[in-house]
Amino acid sequence: EALTRGCGYMRLGGYFMRAESEVRAQRRGVVAVLRMFVRGLPPAKRTTWLSPLLRAIAAALRIEDPGRGALARLRRDALLVPLSADPALDTATWVRLDVCAGQDP
């Protein structure tokens, strides 16, 4: 919900969530990947636009929900958002946000 409100300027063409398959990410507490398809993004040169777009999404989450968005982490073109957190233990369960070019109708 915070994504749709904070990132309403993006033309979301759909999304899906799947379990995280990378072992290294699983060790860091990442349990799932939320892949969003954005219409109008070029399918070529993804590395050029991915990092700035993830930074914009992280900023939108901080504005939309200051308590949750402040915990988001941007690492090597991966935006990690807490699914749940235990402040007493300083541990969190994370979801990795991924953005791909969507199909224009």
C-alpha atoms as a PDB file:
ATOM      1  CA  GLU A   1       0.000   0.000   0.000  1.00  0.00           C
ATOM      2  CA  ALA A   2       2.818   2.414   0.829  1.00  0.00           C
ATOM      3  CA  LEU A   3       4.384   1.610  -2.535  1.00  0.00           C
ATOM      4  CA  THR A   4       1.260   2.450  -4.497  1.00  0.00           C
ATOM      5  CA  ARG A   5       0.780   5.716  -2.591  1.00  0.00           C
ATOM      6  CA  GLY A   6       4.410   6.798  -2.526  1.00  0.00           C
ATOM      7  CA  CYS A   7       5.251   5.636  -6.032  1.00  0.00           C
ATOM      8  CA  GLY A   8       1.981   6.523  -7.745  1.00  0.00           C
ATOM      9  CA  TYR A   9       3.940   8.436 -10.392  1.00  0.00           C
ATOM     10  CA  MET A  10       5.286   5.132 -11.760  1.00  0.00           C
ATOM     11  CA  ARG A  11       3.141   3.385 -14.315  1.00  0.00           C
ATOM     12  CA  LEU A  12       2.965  -0.003 -12.625  1.00  0.00           C
ATOM     13  CA  GLY A  13       2.030  -2.697 -15.109  1.00  0.00           C
ATOM     14  CA  GLY A  14       1.877  -5.408 -12.487  1.00  0.00           C
ATOM     15  CA  TYR A  15       3.905  -7.164  -9.848  1.00  0.00           C
ATOM     16  CA  PHE A  16       4.463 -10.551  -8.283  1.00  0.00           C
ATOM     17  CA  MET A  17       6.130 -11.903  -5.184  1.00  0.00           C
ATOM     18  CA  ARG A  18       8.215 -15.046  -4.970  1.00  0.00           C
ATOM     19  CA  ALA A  19      10.465 -16.690  -2.421  1.00  0.00           C
ATOM     20  CA  GLU A  20      14.106 -15.570  -2.446  1.00  0.00           C
ATOM     21  CA  SER A  21      16.305 -18.182  -4.139  1.00  0.00           C
ATOM     22  CA  GLU A  22      19.771 -16.659  -3.632  1.00  0.00           C
ATOM     23  CA  VAL A  23      21.525 -18.316  -0.706  1.00  0.00           C
ATOM     24  CA  ARG A  24      23.617 -15.235   0.130  1.00  0.00           C
ATOM     25  CA  ALA A  25      20.485 -13.087   0.396  1.00  0.00           C
ATOM     26  CA  GLN A  26      18.723 -15.725   2.512  1.00  0.00           C
ATOM     27  CA  ARG A  27      21.596 -15.608   5.009  1.00  0.00           C
ATOM     28  CA  ARG A  28      20.974 -11.849   5.391  1.00  0.00           C
ATOM     29  CA  GLY A  29      17.323 -12.467   6.238  1.00  0.00           C
ATOM     30  CA  VAL A  30      15.788 -11.816   2.796  1.00  0.00           C
ATOM     31  CA  VAL A  31      12.800 -14.147   2.441  1.00  0.00           C
ATOM     32  CA  ALA A  32      11.062 -12.864  -0.693  1.00  0.00           C
ATOM     33  CA  VAL A  33      11.425 -10.792  -3.854  1.00  0.00           C
ATOM     34  CA  LEU A  34       8.750  -8.318  -4.948  1.00  0.00           C
ATOM     35  CA  ARG A  35       9.204  -7.707  -8.681  1.00  0.00           C
ATOM     36  CA  MET A  36       7.417  -4.677 -10.091  1.00  0.00           C
ATOM     37  CA  PHE A  37       6.889  -4.119 -13.803  1.00  0.00           C
ATOM     38  CA  VAL A  38       6.913  -0.431 -14.771  1.00  0.00           C
ATOM     39  CA  ARG A  39       5.579   0.583 -18.178  1.00  0.00           C
ATOM     40  CA  GLY A  40       7.674   3.047 -20.125  1.00  0.00           C
ATOM     41  CA  LEU A  41      11.080   1.924 -18.885  1.00  0.00           C
ATOM     42  CA  PRO A  42      13.529   0.824 -21.580  1.00  0.00           C
ATOM     43  CA  PRO A  43      14.252  -2.922 -21.511  1.00  0.00           C
ATOM     44  CA  ALA A  44      17.857  -2.242 -22.584  1.00  0.00           C
ATOM     45  CA  LYS A  45      20.527  -0.750 -20.320  1.00  0.00           C
ATOM     46  CA  ARG A  46      18.734  -1.698 -17.094  1.00  0.00           C
ATOM     47  CA  THR A  47      21.855  -0.973 -15.051  1.00  0.00           C
ATOM     48  CA  THR A  48      21.655   2.673 -16.133  1.00  0.00           C
ATOM     49  CA  TRP A  49      18.210   3.379 -14.672  1.00  0.00           C
ATOM     50  CA  LEU A  50      17.854   0.773 -11.897  1.00  0.00           C
ATOM     51  CA  SER A  51      19.966   2.382  -9.173  1.00  0.00           C
ATOM     52  CA  PRO A  52      18.457   5.899  -9.448  1.00  0.00           C
ATOM     53  CA  LEU A  53      14.945   4.432  -9.545  1.00  0.00           C
ATOM     54  CA  LEU A  54      15.564   2.329  -6.417  1.00  0.00           C
ATOM     55  CA  ARG A  55      16.891   5.417  -4.623  1.00  0.00           C
ATOM     56  CA  ALA A  56      13.716   7.304  -5.587  1.00  0.00           C
ATOM     57  CA  ILE A  57      11.547   4.450  -4.294  1.00  0.00           C
ATOM     58  CA  ALA A  58      13.485   4.381  -1.006  1.00  0.00           C
ATOM     59  CA  ALA A  59      12.984   8.137  -0.621  1.00  0.00           C
ATOM     60  CA  ALA A  60       9.258   7.813  -1.377  1.00  0.00           C
ATOM     61  CA  LEU A  61       8.921   5.112   1.283  1.00  0.00           C
ATOM     62  CA  ARG A  62      10.625   7.348   3.858  1.00  0.00           C
ATOM     63  CA  ILE A  63       8.228  10.187   3.061  1.00  0.00           C
ATOM     64  CA  GLU A  64       5.143   7.942   3.022  1.00  0.00           C
ATOM     65  CA  ASP A  65       5.881   5.972   6.196  1.00  0.00           C
ATOM     66  CA  PRO A  66       8.792   7.487   8.163  1.00  0.00           C
ATOM     67  CA  GLY A  67       9.037   4.669  10.693  1.00  0.00           C
ATOM     68  CA  ARG A  68       9.226   1.855   8.146  1.00  0.00           C
ATOM     69  CA  GLY A  69      10.972   3.659   5.298  1.00  0.00           C
ATOM     70  CA  ALA A  70      13.894   4.721   7.458  1.00  0.00           C
ATOM     71  CA  LEU A  71      14.796   1.063   7.834  1.00  0.00           C
ATOM     72  CA  ALA A  72      15.002   0.415   4.077  1.00  0.00           C
ATOM     73  CA  ARG A  73      18.493  -0.464   2.868  1.00  0.00           C
ATOM     74  CA  LEU A  74      19.945   0.072  -0.569  1.00  0.00           C
ATOM     75  CA  ARG A  75      22.766  -2.355  -1.349  1.00  0.00           C
ATOM     76  CA  ARG A  76      24.344  -2.955  -4.746  1.00  0.00           C
ATOM     77  CA  ASP A  77      21.259  -2.208  -6.788  1.00  0.00           C
ATOM     78  CA  ALA A  78      19.007  -4.049  -4.353  1.00  0.00           C
ATOM     79  CA  LEU A  79      16.452  -2.274  -2.195  1.00  0.00           C
ATOM     80  CA  LEU A  80      15.680  -4.211   0.983  1.00  0.00           C
ATOM     81  CA  VAL A  81      12.516  -3.332   2.881  1.00  0.00           C
ATOM     82  CA  PRO A  82      11.680  -4.848   6.266  1.00  0.00           C
ATOM     83  CA  LEU A  83       8.740  -7.217   6.288  1.00  0.00           C
ATOM     84  CA  SER A  84       8.941  -7.478  10.056  1.00  0.00           C
ATOM     85  CA  ALA A  85      11.458  -6.315  12.596  1.00  0.00           C
ATOM     86  CA  ASP A  86      12.293  -7.067  16.199  1.00  0.00           C
ATOM     87  CA  PRO A  87      13.973  -3.944  17.596  1.00  0.00           C
ATOM     88  CA  ALA A  88      14.870  -5.727  20.837  1.00  0.00           C
ATOM     89  CA  LEU A  89      16.967  -8.297  18.955  1.00  0.00           C
ATOM     90  CA  ASP A  90      18.038  -5.914  16.158  1.00  0.00           C
ATOM     91  CA  THR A  91      16.931  -8.469  13.561  1.00  0.00           C
ATOM     92  CA  ALA A  92      14.595  -8.144  10.620  1.00  0.00           C
ATOM     93  CA  THR A  93      12.963 -10.186   7.896  1.00  0.00           C
ATOM     94  CA  TRP A  94      13.507  -8.472   4.552  1.00  0.00           C
ATOM     95  CA  VAL A  95      11.840  -8.306   1.142  1.00  0.00           C
ATOM     96  CA  ARG A  96      13.962  -7.350  -1.867  1.00  0.00           C
ATOM     97  CA  LEU A  97      12.300  -4.939  -4.314  1.00  0.00           C
ATOM     98  CA  ASP A  98      13.150  -5.494  -7.968  1.00  0.00           C
ATOM     99  CA  VAL A  99      12.049  -3.286 -10.860  1.00  0.00           C
ATOM    100  CA  CYS A 100      11.770  -4.428 -14.472  1.00  0.00           C
ATOM    101  CA  ALA A 101      10.586  -2.823 -17.683  1.00  0.00           C
ATOM    102  CA  GLY A 102       6.916  -3.543 -18.273  1.00  0.00           C
ATOM    103  CA  GLN A 103       5.074  -4.022 -21.536  1.00  0.00           C
ATOM    104  CA  ASP A 104       3.176  -1.054 -22.930  1.00  0.00           C
ATOM    105  CA  PRO A 105      -0.334  -1.952 -24.067  1.00  0.00           C
END
